[in-house]
């Protein structure tokens, strides 16, 4: 395959920036507070519900929409305000250089809302790298949120882009997303850079559905997963 025919789908949090350092902590607290306020649960119950829906559906919003009638736009706006976050987001010139040199079409595919994704990309200096952004608002089918790792949504995204699974590489920190993508024929790259800094265990192994493990975006240039 000509390298310029490849299509790269990059995750955002803990793939392109260090979300574990601060963003995830603030997001989890914000979502918990939203559940406490709008569902009337105690804080420990809200934490358990948030985690259960994230594990089951890939996004807390999906469970809240399906089981509690929460309006996606309201939830996403309220939980992603995160005042002061931008000051704690830092980009790296070598990441920008690596992405610019990487041959092929590049898209962001994130379970985060568009406003948050644009805000983070701008803060870390990657705002103009991607041909397009595929955010959680774009991952809906028949009125229901279907974020990663929903296999149907992967198929819909590929159809919208007009590409075959074999052309695509998903670069992610989350294994379950890679497992579903690989089942459809995409190549998968497990980004471990920020996971290592967070002390996540089990990074030495490579599941069969992971094409490559990398610690930097530059590694994609040196040895592409094809």
C-alpha atoms as a PDB file:
ATOM      1  CA  UNK A   1       0.000   0.000   0.000  1.00  0.00           C
ATOM      2  CA  UNK A   2       1.192   3.481  -0.809  1.00  0.00           C
ATOM      3  CA  UNK A   3       1.806   5.223   2.554  1.00  0.00           C
ATOM      4  CA  UNK A   4      -0.213   8.209   1.347  1.00  0.00           C
ATOM      5  CA  UNK A   5      -3.293   5.984   1.037  1.00  0.00           C
ATOM      6  CA  UNK A   6      -3.298   5.207   4.751  1.00  0.00           C
ATOM      7  CA  UNK A   7      -5.927   6.714   6.997  1.00  0.00           C
ATOM      8  CA  UNK A   8      -4.966   7.375  10.609  1.00  0.00           C
ATOM      9  CA  UNK A   9      -7.591   7.626  13.356  1.00  0.00           C
ATOM     10  CA  UNK A  10      -6.068   9.165  16.470  1.00  0.00           C
ATOM     11  CA  UNK A  11      -7.635   9.139  19.904  1.00  0.00           C
ATOM     12  CA  UNK A  12      -7.184  12.288  22.001  1.00  0.00           C
ATOM     13  CA  UNK A  13      -6.897  11.803  25.755  1.00  0.00           C
ATOM     14  CA  UNK A  14      -3.785   9.890  26.860  1.00  0.00           C
ATOM     15  CA  UNK A  15      -2.888   9.415  23.202  1.00  0.00           C
ATOM     16  CA  UNK A  16      -2.043  12.938  22.045  1.00  0.00           C
ATOM     17  CA  UNK A  17      -1.748  14.571  25.468  1.00  0.00           C
ATOM     18  CA  UNK A  18      -1.360  13.599  29.106  1.00  0.00           C
ATOM     19  CA  UNK A  19      -4.984  13.495  30.239  1.00  0.00           C
ATOM     20  CA  UNK A  20      -4.155  11.356  33.274  1.00  0.00           C
ATOM     21  CA  UNK A  21      -2.173  14.251  34.756  1.00  0.00           C
ATOM     22  CA  UNK A  22      -5.204  16.470  35.361  1.00  0.00           C
ATOM     23  CA  UNK A  23      -7.981  16.347  32.755  1.00  0.00           C
ATOM     24  CA  UNK A  24      -9.347  12.931  33.708  1.00  0.00           C
ATOM     25  CA  UNK A  25      -9.455  13.804  37.399  1.00  0.00           C
ATOM     26  CA  UNK A  26     -11.442  16.962  36.702  1.00  0.00           C
ATOM     27  CA  UNK A  27     -13.702  15.262  34.148  1.00  0.00           C
ATOM     28  CA  UNK A  28     -14.543  12.413  36.512  1.00  0.00           C
ATOM     29  CA  UNK A  29     -15.352  14.855  39.303  1.00  0.00           C
ATOM     30  CA  UNK A  30     -17.482  16.964  36.971  1.00  0.00           C
ATOM     31  CA  UNK A  31     -19.444  13.955  35.686  1.00  0.00           C
ATOM     32  CA  UNK A  32     -19.984  12.667  39.211  1.00  0.00           C
ATOM     33  CA  UNK A  33     -21.303  16.073  40.280  1.00  0.00           C
ATOM     34  CA  UNK A  34     -23.651  16.128  37.285  1.00  0.00           C
ATOM     35  CA  UNK A  35     -25.085  12.723  38.204  1.00  0.00           C
ATOM     36  CA  UNK A  36     -25.520  13.759  41.835  1.00  0.00           C
ATOM     37  CA  UNK A  37     -27.339  16.939  40.801  1.00  0.00           C
ATOM     38  CA  UNK A  38     -29.548  15.617  38.017  1.00  0.00           C
ATOM     39  CA  UNK A  39     -30.213  12.031  39.117  1.00  0.00           C
ATOM     40  CA  UNK A  40     -30.369  12.714  42.849  1.00  0.00           C
ATOM     41  CA  UNK A  41     -27.832  10.046  43.816  1.00  0.00           C
ATOM     42  CA  UNK A  42     -25.348  10.096  46.659  1.00  0.00           C
ATOM     43  CA  UNK A  43     -21.767  10.736  45.593  1.00  0.00           C
ATOM     44  CA  UNK A  44     -20.578   7.136  46.021  1.00  0.00           C
ATOM     45  CA  UNK A  45     -23.576   5.888  44.024  1.00  0.00           C
ATOM     46  CA  UNK A  46     -22.845   8.435  41.311  1.00  0.00           C
ATOM     47  CA  UNK A  47     -19.211   7.313  41.085  1.00  0.00           C
ATOM     48  CA  UNK A  48     -20.267   3.676  40.771  1.00  0.00           C
ATOM     49  CA  UNK A  49     -22.848   4.507  38.083  1.00  0.00           C
ATOM     50  CA  UNK A  50     -20.389   6.619  36.106  1.00  0.00           C
ATOM     51  CA  UNK A  51     -17.812   3.850  36.123  1.00  0.00           C
ATOM     52  CA  UNK A  52     -20.357   1.152  35.261  1.00  0.00           C
ATOM     53  CA  UNK A  53     -21.640   3.021  32.214  1.00  0.00           C
ATOM     54  CA  UNK A  54     -18.124   3.856  31.027  1.00  0.00           C
ATOM     55  CA  UNK A  55     -17.132   0.183  31.284  1.00  0.00           C
ATOM     56  CA  UNK A  56     -20.273  -1.069  29.560  1.00  0.00           C
ATOM     57  CA  UNK A  57     -20.698   1.497  26.793  1.00  0.00           C
ATOM     58  CA  UNK A  58     -17.345   3.246  26.391  1.00  0.00           C
ATOM     59  CA  UNK A  59     -18.835   6.554  27.542  1.00  0.00           C
ATOM     60  CA  UNK A  60     -20.798   7.558  30.627  1.00  0.00           C
ATOM     61  CA  UNK A  61     -23.099   9.651  28.451  1.00  0.00           C
ATOM     62  CA  UNK A  62     -24.388   6.623  26.548  1.00  0.00           C
ATOM     63  CA  UNK A  63     -25.673   4.964  29.703  1.00  0.00           C
ATOM     64  CA  UNK A  64     -27.193   8.178  31.011  1.00  0.00           C
ATOM     65  CA  UNK A  65     -28.962   8.784  27.712  1.00  0.00           C
ATOM     66  CA  UNK A  66     -30.291   5.242  27.377  1.00  0.00           C
ATOM     67  CA  UNK A  67     -31.380   4.675  30.952  1.00  0.00           C
ATOM     68  CA  UNK A  68     -32.117   8.139  32.349  1.00  0.00           C
ATOM     69  CA  UNK A  69     -33.096  10.292  29.372  1.00  0.00           C
ATOM     70  CA  UNK A  70     -30.186  12.703  29.832  1.00  0.00           C
ATOM     71  CA  UNK A  71     -29.818  15.155  26.951  1.00  0.00           C
ATOM     72  CA  UNK A  72     -26.359  14.770  25.383  1.00  0.00           C
ATOM     73  CA  UNK A  73     -25.772  18.454  24.602  1.00  0.00           C
ATOM     74  CA  UNK A  74     -26.574  19.521  28.171  1.00  0.00           C
ATOM     75  CA  UNK A  75     -24.412  16.808  29.736  1.00  0.00           C
ATOM     76  CA  UNK A  76     -21.426  17.470  27.471  1.00  0.00           C
ATOM     77  CA  UNK A  77     -21.560  21.225  27.995  1.00  0.00           C
ATOM     78  CA  UNK A  78     -21.938  21.073  31.761  1.00  0.00           C
ATOM     79  CA  UNK A  79     -19.284  18.406  32.379  1.00  0.00           C
ATOM     80  CA  UNK A  80     -16.590  19.762  30.061  1.00  0.00           C
ATOM     81  CA  UNK A  81     -16.450  23.397  31.188  1.00  0.00           C
ATOM     82  CA  UNK A  82     -13.328  22.613  33.260  1.00  0.00           C
ATOM     83  CA  UNK A  83     -12.202  26.200  34.020  1.00  0.00           C
ATOM     84  CA  UNK A  84      -8.443  26.662  34.131  1.00  0.00           C
ATOM     85  CA  UNK A  85      -7.631  23.363  32.419  1.00  0.00           C
ATOM     86  CA  UNK A  86      -5.879  24.964  29.440  1.00  0.00           C
ATOM     87  CA  UNK A  87      -3.033  26.243  31.608  1.00  0.00           C
ATOM     88  CA  UNK A  88      -2.146  22.665  32.505  1.00  0.00           C
ATOM     89  CA  UNK A  89      -2.065  21.324  28.925  1.00  0.00           C
ATOM     90  CA  UNK A  90       1.318  21.250  27.242  1.00  0.00           C
ATOM     91  CA  UNK A  91       2.334  20.338  23.719  1.00  0.00           C
ATOM     92  CA  UNK A  92       5.655  19.147  22.334  1.00  0.00           C
ATOM     93  CA  UNK A  93       7.286  20.305  19.124  1.00  0.00           C
ATOM     94  CA  UNK A  94       8.443  16.776  18.251  1.00  0.00           C
ATOM     95  CA  UNK A  95       4.830  15.529  18.328  1.00  0.00           C
ATOM     96  CA  UNK A  96       3.742  18.212  15.913  1.00  0.00           C
ATOM     97  CA  UNK A  97       6.692  17.476  13.636  1.00  0.00           C
ATOM     98  CA  UNK A  98       5.995  13.732  13.668  1.00  0.00           C
ATOM     99  CA  UNK A  99       2.311  14.158  12.806  1.00  0.00           C
ATOM    100  CA  UNK A 100       3.075  16.597  10.002  1.00  0.00           C
ATOM    101  CA  UNK A 101       5.575  14.177   8.466  1.00  0.00           C
ATOM    102  CA  UNK A 102       3.360  11.115   8.844  1.00  0.00           C
ATOM    103  CA  UNK A 103       2.086  10.219   5.341  1.00  0.00           C
ATOM    104  CA  UNK A 104      -1.622   9.658   4.811  1.00  0.00           C
ATOM    105  CA  UNK A 105      -4.887  11.241   5.905  1.00  0.00           C
ATOM    106  CA  UNK A 106      -5.197  11.988   9.607  1.00  0.00           C
ATOM    107  CA  UNK A 107      -8.397  12.287  11.634  1.00  0.00           C
ATOM    108  CA  UNK A 108      -9.105  12.701  15.316  1.00  0.00           C
ATOM    109  CA  UNK A 109     -11.622  10.141  16.632  1.00  0.00           C
ATOM    110  CA  UNK A 110     -12.548  10.775  20.244  1.00  0.00           C
ATOM    111  CA  UNK A 111     -15.383  10.032  22.643  1.00  0.00           C
ATOM    112  CA  UNK A 112     -14.997  13.596  23.899  1.00  0.00           C
ATOM    113  CA  UNK A 113     -17.202  16.477  22.704  1.00  0.00           C
ATOM    114  CA  UNK A 114     -16.048  18.701  19.862  1.00  0.00           C
ATOM    115  CA  UNK A 115     -15.625  21.870  21.937  1.00  0.00           C
ATOM    116  CA  UNK A 116     -13.331  20.045  24.379  1.00  0.00           C
ATOM    117  CA  UNK A 117     -11.355  18.377  21.564  1.00  0.00           C
ATOM    118  CA  UNK A 118     -10.803  21.701  19.781  1.00  0.00           C
ATOM    119  CA  UNK A 119      -9.788  23.336  23.048  1.00  0.00           C
ATOM    120  CA  UNK A 120      -7.232  20.634  23.873  1.00  0.00           C
ATOM    121  CA  UNK A 121      -5.787  20.505  20.352  1.00  0.00           C
ATOM    122  CA  UNK A 122      -5.320  24.274  20.376  1.00  0.00           C
ATOM    123  CA  UNK A 123      -3.643  24.185  23.794  1.00  0.00           C
ATOM    124  CA  UNK A 124      -1.144  21.481  22.769  1.00  0.00           C
ATOM    125  CA  UNK A 125      -0.421  22.992  19.351  1.00  0.00           C
ATOM    126  CA  UNK A 126      -2.091  20.330  17.184  1.00  0.00           C
ATOM    127  CA  UNK A 127      -5.124  22.287  16.003  1.00  0.00           C
ATOM    128  CA  UNK A 128      -4.208  22.237  12.300  1.00  0.00           C
ATOM    129  CA  UNK A 129      -2.841  18.708  11.992  1.00  0.00           C
ATOM    130  CA  UNK A 130      -6.057  16.814  11.302  1.00  0.00           C
ATOM    131  CA  UNK A 131      -8.195  16.724   8.194  1.00  0.00           C
ATOM    132  CA  UNK A 132     -11.278  16.339  10.358  1.00  0.00           C
ATOM    133  CA  UNK A 133     -12.558  15.668  13.867  1.00  0.00           C
ATOM    134  CA  UNK A 134     -14.887  12.771  14.653  1.00  0.00           C
ATOM    135  CA  UNK A 135     -16.289  13.498  18.114  1.00  0.00           C
ATOM    136  CA  UNK A 136     -18.961  11.971  20.306  1.00  0.00           C
ATOM    137  CA  UNK A 137     -21.632  14.215  18.777  1.00  0.00           C
ATOM    138  CA  UNK A 138     -20.853  12.526  15.444  1.00  0.00           C
ATOM    139  CA  UNK A 139     -21.177   9.015  16.887  1.00  0.00           C
ATOM    140  CA  UNK A 140     -24.925   8.522  16.976  1.00  0.00           C
ATOM    141  CA  UNK A 141     -27.236   6.070  15.272  1.00  0.00           C
ATOM    142  CA  UNK A 142     -31.048   6.280  15.312  1.00  0.00           C
ATOM    143  CA  UNK A 143     -30.847   8.996  17.939  1.00  0.00           C
ATOM    144  CA  UNK A 144     -28.692   6.996  20.334  1.00  0.00           C
ATOM    145  CA  UNK A 145     -25.087   7.709  21.275  1.00  0.00           C
ATOM    146  CA  UNK A 146     -22.782   4.935  20.024  1.00  0.00           C
ATOM    147  CA  UNK A 147     -19.188   5.939  20.796  1.00  0.00           C
ATOM    148  CA  UNK A 148     -16.095   3.777  20.560  1.00  0.00           C
ATOM    149  CA  UNK A 149     -15.845   0.800  20.860  1.00  0.00           C
ATOM    150  CA  UNK A 150     -19.218   0.247  19.112  1.00  0.00           C
ATOM    151  CA  UNK A 151     -18.405  -1.762  15.966  1.00  0.00           C
ATOM    152  CA  UNK A 152     -21.379  -0.326  14.079  1.00  0.00           C
ATOM    153  CA  UNK A 153     -20.048   3.158  14.621  1.00  0.00           C
ATOM    154  CA  UNK A 154     -16.620   2.189  13.320  1.00  0.00           C
ATOM    155  CA  UNK A 155     -18.323   0.910  10.156  1.00  0.00           C
ATOM    156  CA  UNK A 156     -20.336   4.118   9.822  1.00  0.00           C
ATOM    157  CA  UNK A 157     -17.229   6.272  10.227  1.00  0.00           C
ATOM    158  CA  UNK A 158     -15.326   4.287   7.596  1.00  0.00           C
ATOM    159  CA  UNK A 159     -18.282   4.564   5.217  1.00  0.00           C
ATOM    160  CA  UNK A 160     -18.440   8.341   5.743  1.00  0.00           C
ATOM    161  CA  UNK A 161     -14.731   8.613   4.975  1.00  0.00           C
ATOM    162  CA  UNK A 162     -15.064   6.305   1.978  1.00  0.00           C
ATOM    163  CA  UNK A 163     -12.229   4.007   3.061  1.00  0.00           C
ATOM    164  CA  UNK A 164     -11.699   0.281   3.613  1.00  0.00           C
ATOM    165  CA  UNK A 165     -10.777  -1.059   7.069  1.00  0.00           C
ATOM    166  CA  UNK A 166      -7.479  -2.370   5.683  1.00  0.00           C
ATOM    167  CA  UNK A 167      -6.425   1.214   4.894  1.00  0.00           C
ATOM    168  CA  UNK A 168      -6.899   2.412   8.455  1.00  0.00           C
ATOM    169  CA  UNK A 169      -4.814   2.560  11.595  1.00  0.00           C
ATOM    170  CA  UNK A 170      -6.374   3.314  14.990  1.00  0.00           C
ATOM    171  CA  UNK A 171      -3.925   4.888  17.453  1.00  0.00           C
ATOM    172  CA  UNK A 172      -5.318   4.506  20.964  1.00  0.00           C
ATOM    173  CA  UNK A 173      -4.498   4.094  24.629  1.00  0.00           C
ATOM    174  CA  UNK A 174      -7.664   2.041  25.319  1.00  0.00           C
ATOM    175  CA  UNK A 175      -7.418  -1.674  24.557  1.00  0.00           C
ATOM    176  CA  UNK A 176     -11.130  -2.445  24.201  1.00  0.00           C
ATOM    177  CA  UNK A 177     -11.380   0.119  21.417  1.00  0.00           C
ATOM    178  CA  UNK A 178      -8.488  -1.546  19.628  1.00  0.00           C
ATOM    179  CA  UNK A 179     -10.009  -4.992  20.047  1.00  0.00           C
ATOM    180  CA  UNK A 180     -13.237  -4.000  18.296  1.00  0.00           C
ATOM    181  CA  UNK A 181     -11.400  -2.089  15.570  1.00  0.00           C
ATOM    182  CA  UNK A 182      -9.063  -4.999  14.861  1.00  0.00           C
ATOM    183  CA  UNK A 183     -12.060  -7.300  14.568  1.00  0.00           C
ATOM    184  CA  UNK A 184     -13.223  -5.147  11.660  1.00  0.00           C
ATOM    185  CA  UNK A 185      -9.852  -5.288   9.920  1.00  0.00           C
ATOM    186  CA  UNK A 186      -8.191  -2.047  11.069  1.00  0.00           C
ATOM    187  CA  UNK A 187      -4.577  -1.988  12.188  1.00  0.00           C
ATOM    188  CA  UNK A 188      -4.145  -0.893  15.797  1.00  0.00           C
ATOM    189  CA  UNK A 189      -1.441   0.957  17.680  1.00  0.00           C
ATOM    190  CA  UNK A 190      -1.349   0.964  21.475  1.00  0.00           C
ATOM    191  CA  UNK A 191       0.012   4.327  22.636  1.00  0.00           C
ATOM    192  CA  UNK A 192       1.663   3.758  26.016  1.00  0.00           C
ATOM    193  CA  UNK A 193       3.476   7.042  26.549  1.00  0.00           C
ATOM    194  CA  UNK A 194       1.152   8.572  29.096  1.00  0.00           C
ATOM    195  CA  UNK A 195       0.061   5.217  30.519  1.00  0.00           C
ATOM    196  CA  UNK A 196       3.650   4.541  31.567  1.00  0.00           C
ATOM    197  CA  UNK A 197       3.846   7.880  33.331  1.00  0.00           C
ATOM    198  CA  UNK A 198       0.605   7.040  35.150  1.00  0.00           C
ATOM    199  CA  UNK A 199       2.064   3.707  36.299  1.00  0.00           C
ATOM    200  CA  UNK A 200      -0.472   1.517  34.477  1.00  0.00           C
ATOM    201  CA  UNK A 201       0.375  -2.190  34.808  1.00  0.00           C
ATOM    202  CA  UNK A 202       0.542  -4.786  32.048  1.00  0.00           C
ATOM    203  CA  UNK A 203       2.120  -2.583  29.393  1.00  0.00           C
ATOM    204  CA  UNK A 204       4.817  -5.185  28.638  1.00  0.00           C
ATOM    205  CA  UNK A 205       2.330  -7.520  26.961  1.00  0.00           C
ATOM    206  CA  UNK A 206       0.890  -7.101  23.475  1.00  0.00           C
ATOM    207  CA  UNK A 207      -2.582  -8.594  22.939  1.00  0.00           C
ATOM    208  CA  UNK A 208      -3.066 -10.330  19.582  1.00  0.00           C
ATOM    209  CA  UNK A 209      -5.375  -7.562  18.378  1.00  0.00           C
ATOM    210  CA  UNK A 210      -2.688  -4.899  18.881  1.00  0.00           C
ATOM    211  CA  UNK A 211      -0.509  -4.433  15.797  1.00  0.00           C
ATOM    212  CA  UNK A 212       2.135  -2.344  17.569  1.00  0.00           C
ATOM    213  CA  UNK A 213       2.987  -0.782  20.910  1.00  0.00           C
ATOM    214  CA  UNK A 214       4.626   2.655  20.848  1.00  0.00           C
ATOM    215  CA  UNK A 215       5.802   5.247  23.331  1.00  0.00           C
ATOM    216  CA  UNK A 216       5.918   8.195  20.955  1.00  0.00           C
ATOM    217  CA  UNK A 217       4.319   9.534  17.806  1.00  0.00           C
ATOM    218  CA  UNK A 218       7.731   9.538  16.188  1.00  0.00           C
ATOM    219  CA  UNK A 219       7.769   5.740  16.383  1.00  0.00           C
ATOM    220  CA  UNK A 220       4.967   5.679  13.803  1.00  0.00           C
ATOM    221  CA  UNK A 221       7.355   7.287  11.324  1.00  0.00           C
ATOM    222  CA  UNK A 222      10.228   4.931  12.032  1.00  0.00           C
ATOM    223  CA  UNK A 223       8.200   1.736  11.794  1.00  0.00           C
ATOM    224  CA  UNK A 224       4.576   1.986  10.596  1.00  0.00           C
ATOM    225  CA  UNK A 225       2.197  -0.850  11.627  1.00  0.00           C
ATOM    226  CA  UNK A 226       1.932  -2.236   8.054  1.00  0.00           C
END
